[in-house]
Amino acid sequence: MVEEGGYLSLWRGNGMNVTKIAPETGIKFLAYDQYKKFFDDTHSKLDIHERFIAGSLAGVTAQTIVYPMEVLKTRLALGQTGQYKSIKDCARILIKNEGISALYVGYIPNLLGIIPYAGIELTVYESVKKTYCQSSGKNPSDPGIFVHLGCGTISSTCGQLGSYPLALVRTKMQAH
C-alpha cells in the first residue's frame, strides 16, 4: 500500500470510519436504554438474558442505520489511490455501477455478527460494572471514569472475541 499510494494510504477510509463511529455508538446506547425498558422501567432487575437481548437489538438498530457507511469505509480503504475523490464520489460510483443494494452487501453476516457482539458487549459492561460497584460500595450511576474505562475495555474485548469470524466474512463480502 505504501508503494502504491504513499504513507497516507494507510489511513484510506479512516475518514468514513471516524464519521460513522459517533452516530453508531450514540444510536446503540440510546437504543439499548429504550430496549431495556421493555423488560423493566427501572433497569435495576434485568436478568443477564434480558440485557443480552436488549444489547443485541440495540446493535441491530445501530448497524441498520449506519451500515451503508461501513460499506463505503471498506470500499474507500480497499480502493486504489485516486480511485475516489471523496466519500460522496465513492457512494455515487458504487450506486451507479452496482445499484443502491450495494450499500447493504454483507448486511446479513454483519447482523449475525452484531447480535453476539453488542449483546455480549453491553451485557458484560453492565454486569462487570454492577458487580464492581456492589463489591466496592460505589454508586453504579457514577462509579468513576476508571471503572467505566475498565468495564468498557473488558466488555469490548469479550464482544470482539465472540463475533470476529462473522465480521471477517462481512468484510470479504463488502470487498467483492
Protein backbone atom coordinates (compact mmCIF):
# COMPACT_ATOMS: atom_id res chain seq x y z
CA MET A 1 0.00 0.00 0.00
CA VAL A 2 2.81 2.41 0.81
CA GLU A 3 4.45 1.77 -2.57
CA GLU A 4 1.16 2.29 -4.40
CA GLY A 5 -0.14 5.38 -2.53
CA GLY A 6 2.41 6.59 0.00
CA TYR A 7 2.16 6.54 3.78
CA LEU A 8 -1.16 8.39 3.79
CA SER A 9 -2.72 5.40 2.02
CA LEU A 10 -2.50 3.58 5.37
CA TRP A 11 -5.34 5.85 6.55
CA ARG A 12 -7.50 5.34 3.45
CA GLY A 13 -11.15 5.02 4.53
CA ASN A 14 -10.46 6.25 8.06
CA GLY A 15 -12.40 9.48 7.50
CA MET A 16 -15.57 7.46 6.96
CA ASN A 17 -14.65 5.20 9.87
CA VAL A 18 -14.39 8.19 12.21
CA THR A 19 -17.57 9.73 10.75
CA LYS A 20 -19.62 6.58 11.43
CA ILE A 21 -18.37 5.86 14.96
CA ALA A 22 -20.19 8.70 16.76
CA PRO A 23 -23.69 8.05 15.39
CA GLU A 24 -23.21 4.28 15.61
CA THR A 25 -22.22 4.40 19.27
CA GLY A 26 -24.80 7.02 20.19
CA ILE A 27 -27.62 5.13 18.49
CA LYS A 28 -26.50 1.86 20.12
CA PHE A 29 -26.55 3.25 23.66
CA LEU A 30 -29.80 5.18 23.12
CA ALA A 31 -31.48 2.09 21.67
CA TYR A 32 -30.09 -0.08 24.49
CA ASP A 33 -31.73 2.12 27.12
CA GLN A 34 -35.01 2.06 25.20
CA TYR A 35 -34.99 -1.72 24.72
CA LYS A 36 -34.23 -2.30 28.41
CA LYS A 37 -37.50 -0.50 29.23
CA PHE A 38 -39.39 -3.35 27.56
CA PHE A 39 -38.21 -5.62 30.36
CA ASP A 40 -38.12 -3.26 33.37
CA ASP A 41 -38.69 0.50 33.59
CA THR A 42 -36.14 0.86 36.39
CA HIS A 43 -33.44 -1.26 34.65
CA SER A 44 -32.40 -2.45 38.11
CA LYS A 45 -33.71 -6.00 37.97
CA LEU A 46 -32.79 -7.09 34.45
CA ASP A 47 -31.57 -10.64 34.08
CA ILE A 48 -28.49 -11.36 32.00
CA HIS A 49 -30.55 -12.75 29.12
CA GLU A 50 -32.70 -9.59 29.11
CA ARG A 51 -29.58 -7.41 28.94
CA PHE A 52 -28.24 -9.60 26.14
CA ILE A 53 -31.46 -9.30 24.13
CA ALA A 54 -31.63 -5.51 24.67
CA GLY A 55 -27.95 -5.18 23.69
CA SER A 56 -28.37 -7.33 20.61
CA LEU A 57 -31.41 -5.35 19.46
CA ALA A 58 -29.55 -2.10 20.08
CA GLY A 59 -26.66 -3.32 17.95
CA VAL A 60 -29.02 -4.36 15.15
CA THR A 61 -30.73 -0.95 15.28
CA ALA A 62 -27.46 0.98 15.11
CA GLN A 63 -25.98 -1.20 12.38
CA THR A 64 -29.09 -1.00 10.23
CA ILE A 65 -28.89 2.79 10.28
CA VAL A 66 -25.12 3.21 9.72
CA TYR A 67 -24.37 0.13 7.60
CA PRO A 68 -24.01 2.00 4.27
CA MET A 69 -21.18 3.97 5.89
CA GLU A 70 -19.46 0.70 6.76
CA VAL A 71 -19.62 -0.42 3.13
CA LEU A 72 -18.26 2.94 1.95
CA LYS A 73 -15.44 2.76 4.52
CA THR A 74 -14.45 -0.67 3.24
CA ARG A 75 -14.59 0.39 -0.41
CA LEU A 76 -12.53 3.51 0.30
CA ALA A 77 -9.99 1.52 2.30
CA LEU A 78 -9.54 -1.12 -0.38
CA GLY A 79 -9.64 1.22 -3.38
CA GLN A 80 -6.59 2.42 -5.27
CA THR A 81 -5.09 5.85 -4.63
CA GLY A 82 -7.17 8.38 -6.55
CA GLN A 83 -9.93 5.90 -7.36
CA TYR A 84 -12.42 8.02 -5.42
CA LYS A 85 -12.28 11.81 -4.99
CA SER A 86 -14.36 11.78 -1.81
CA ILE A 87 -16.84 9.78 0.25
CA LYS A 88 -19.65 11.26 -1.85
CA ASP A 89 -17.84 10.24 -5.06
CA CYS A 90 -17.39 6.69 -3.74
CA ALA A 91 -21.12 6.46 -2.92
CA ARG A 92 -22.09 7.87 -6.33
CA ILE A 93 -19.86 5.44 -8.25
CA LEU A 94 -20.93 2.48 -6.13
CA ILE A 95 -24.65 3.18 -6.61
CA LYS A 96 -24.21 3.97 -10.33
CA ASN A 97 -22.26 0.77 -11.04
CA GLU A 98 -23.87 -1.69 -8.63
CA GLY A 99 -27.19 -0.17 -7.55
CA ILE A 100 -28.44 1.03 -4.20
CA SER A 101 -28.43 -2.53 -2.84
CA ALA A 102 -24.61 -2.43 -2.95
CA LEU A 103 -24.78 -0.27 0.19
CA TYR A 104 -26.09 -3.32 2.06
CA VAL A 105 -23.75 -6.02 0.70
CA GLY A 106 -22.74 -8.22 3.63
CA TYR A 107 -25.58 -6.91 5.80
CA ILE A 108 -26.84 -10.34 6.91
CA PRO A 109 -23.44 -11.63 8.09
CA ASN A 110 -22.98 -8.25 9.76
CA LEU A 111 -26.25 -8.67 11.66
CA LEU A 112 -25.32 -12.22 12.59
CA GLY A 113 -22.06 -10.80 13.99
CA ILE A 114 -23.53 -7.74 15.71
CA ILE A 115 -26.10 -9.79 17.62
CA PRO A 116 -23.48 -11.59 19.72
CA TYR A 117 -21.09 -8.61 19.72
CA ALA A 118 -23.49 -5.97 21.02
CA GLY A 119 -25.29 -8.45 23.25
CA ILE A 120 -22.04 -9.61 24.85
CA GLU A 121 -20.51 -6.12 24.99
CA LEU A 122 -23.42 -4.39 26.70
CA THR A 123 -24.24 -7.34 28.98
CA VAL A 124 -20.65 -7.71 30.15
CA TYR A 125 -20.29 -3.94 30.58
CA GLU A 126 -23.30 -3.65 32.87
CA SER A 127 -22.62 -6.90 34.70
CA VAL A 128 -18.98 -6.09 35.46
CA LYS A 129 -19.85 -2.52 36.49
CA LYS A 130 -22.69 -3.72 38.73
CA THR A 131 -20.54 -6.40 40.36
CA TYR A 132 -17.66 -3.97 40.95
CA CYS A 133 -19.93 -1.29 42.40
CA GLN A 134 -21.63 -3.78 44.73
CA SER A 135 -18.31 -5.16 46.00
CA SER A 136 -16.66 -1.75 46.43
CA GLY A 137 -19.67 0.21 47.67
CA LYS A 138 -19.53 2.66 44.75
CA ASN A 139 -22.58 4.33 43.23
CA PRO A 140 -23.49 2.43 40.00
CA SER A 141 -24.76 5.61 38.34
CA ASP A 142 -21.36 7.30 38.77
CA PRO A 143 -18.63 4.78 39.63
CA GLY A 144 -15.82 6.92 38.22
CA ILE A 145 -14.00 7.24 34.92
CA PHE A 146 -11.58 4.38 35.51
CA VAL A 147 -14.41 1.96 36.28
CA HIS A 148 -16.14 2.96 33.03
CA LEU A 149 -12.84 2.62 31.15
CA GLY A 150 -12.07 -0.80 32.64
CA CYS A 151 -15.59 -2.15 32.13
CA GLY A 152 -15.62 -0.82 28.56
CA THR A 153 -12.28 -2.43 27.79
CA ILE A 154 -13.30 -5.81 29.18
CA SER A 155 -16.72 -5.76 27.51
CA SER A 156 -15.44 -4.70 24.07
CA THR A 157 -12.76 -7.39 24.18
CA CYS A 158 -15.34 -10.05 25.04
CA GLY A 159 -17.65 -8.83 22.27
CA GLN A 160 -14.87 -8.89 19.67
CA LEU A 161 -13.74 -12.38 20.64
CA GLY A 162 -17.27 -13.67 20.23
CA SER A 163 -18.06 -12.06 16.90
CA TYR A 164 -14.88 -11.60 14.87
CA PRO A 165 -15.35 -14.54 12.45
CA LEU A 166 -18.63 -13.07 11.18
CA ALA A 167 -17.05 -9.60 10.89
CA LEU A 168 -14.37 -11.13 8.69
CA VAL A 169 -16.99 -12.74 6.42
CA ARG A 170 -18.82 -9.39 6.17
CA THR A 171 -15.63 -7.54 5.19
CA LYS A 172 -14.81 -10.08 2.50
CA MET A 173 -18.33 -9.73 1.07
CA GLN A 174 -18.09 -5.91 1.08
CA ALA A 175 -14.75 -6.03 -0.69
CA HIS A 176 -16.10 -8.09 -3.56
